[in-house]
């Protein structure tokens, strides 16, 4: 079962052909987002975590010279 996207709730015209997304102020097309109405560029899509966050850090590669095998009896 698929849902049809909700329409933009802004009263301004014209609307975009892109599907509306949910913002705190309601459903908005890309022409009526809060940033578009303020004349600012849209935030690029991404995971939303700031640079340097622990979620963006790369784990160091394990040392290939270390033997992690259990000792043999």
Protein backbone atom coordinates (compact mmCIF):
# COMPACT_ATOMS: atom_id res chain seq x y z
CA UNK A 1 0.00 0.00 0.00
CA UNK A 2 1.59 3.28 -1.06
CA UNK A 3 0.58 6.70 0.12
CA UNK A 4 0.37 9.68 -2.13
CA UNK A 5 2.51 12.58 -0.91
CA UNK A 6 0.73 15.32 0.97
CA UNK A 7 0.39 18.66 -0.81
CA UNK A 8 2.22 21.81 0.21
CA UNK A 9 0.24 23.68 2.90
CA UNK A 10 1.63 27.11 1.97
CA UNK A 11 -0.92 29.52 0.57
CA UNK A 12 1.62 31.06 -1.81
CA UNK A 13 1.71 30.20 -5.49
CA UNK A 14 3.28 28.66 -7.59
CA UNK A 15 4.09 25.32 -6.00
CA UNK A 16 6.92 23.02 -6.95
CA UNK A 17 6.42 19.73 -8.74
CA UNK A 18 8.58 17.99 -6.13
CA UNK A 19 6.77 16.16 -3.31
CA UNK A 20 6.28 18.14 -0.11
CA UNK A 21 8.35 17.37 3.00
CA UNK A 22 7.32 17.76 6.61
CA UNK A 23 8.80 20.76 8.47
CA UNK A 24 7.91 22.07 11.95
CA UNK A 25 5.69 24.65 10.22
CA UNK A 26 3.84 21.98 8.18
CA UNK A 27 4.11 20.28 4.80
CA UNK A 28 6.11 22.41 2.35
CA UNK A 29 7.30 22.02 -1.23
CA UNK A 30 10.87 23.06 -2.03
CA UNK A 31 9.73 26.57 -3.05
CA UNK A 32 8.07 27.23 0.32
CA UNK A 33 10.52 25.79 2.85
CA UNK A 34 11.56 28.09 5.70
CA UNK A 35 14.99 28.62 4.08
CA UNK A 36 13.49 29.37 0.66
CA UNK A 37 11.08 31.94 2.11
CA UNK A 38 13.99 33.60 3.95
CA UNK A 39 16.10 33.71 0.76
CA UNK A 40 18.72 31.24 2.04
CA UNK A 41 19.99 28.13 0.22
CA UNK A 42 18.69 24.77 1.30
CA UNK A 43 20.75 22.64 3.63
CA UNK A 44 22.36 19.79 1.67
CA UNK A 45 21.02 16.35 2.55
CA UNK A 46 23.17 14.23 4.79
CA UNK A 47 23.23 12.28 8.01
CA UNK A 48 22.89 15.45 10.05
CA UNK A 49 25.83 14.78 12.35
CA UNK A 50 28.38 17.61 12.74
CA UNK A 51 31.93 17.16 11.51
CA UNK A 52 34.13 15.63 14.19
CA UNK A 53 31.25 13.73 15.77
CA UNK A 54 32.09 10.31 17.13
CA UNK A 55 29.73 8.88 14.51
CA UNK A 56 31.92 10.25 11.69
CA UNK A 57 35.26 9.06 13.08
CA UNK A 58 37.08 6.28 11.29
CA UNK A 59 38.34 3.44 13.46
CA UNK A 60 42.06 2.81 13.15
CA UNK A 61 43.04 -0.26 11.17
CA UNK A 62 44.14 -3.16 13.36
CA UNK A 63 47.87 -3.74 13.49
CA UNK A 64 48.65 -6.55 11.01
CA UNK A 65 51.64 -7.60 13.14
CA UNK A 66 49.50 -8.38 16.17
CA UNK A 67 48.28 -11.94 16.52
CA UNK A 68 44.78 -11.98 17.98
CA UNK A 69 44.47 -15.76 17.79
CA UNK A 70 43.93 -17.56 21.12
CA UNK A 71 46.95 -19.43 22.42
CA UNK A 72 47.14 -23.10 21.46
CA UNK A 73 47.39 -25.79 24.14
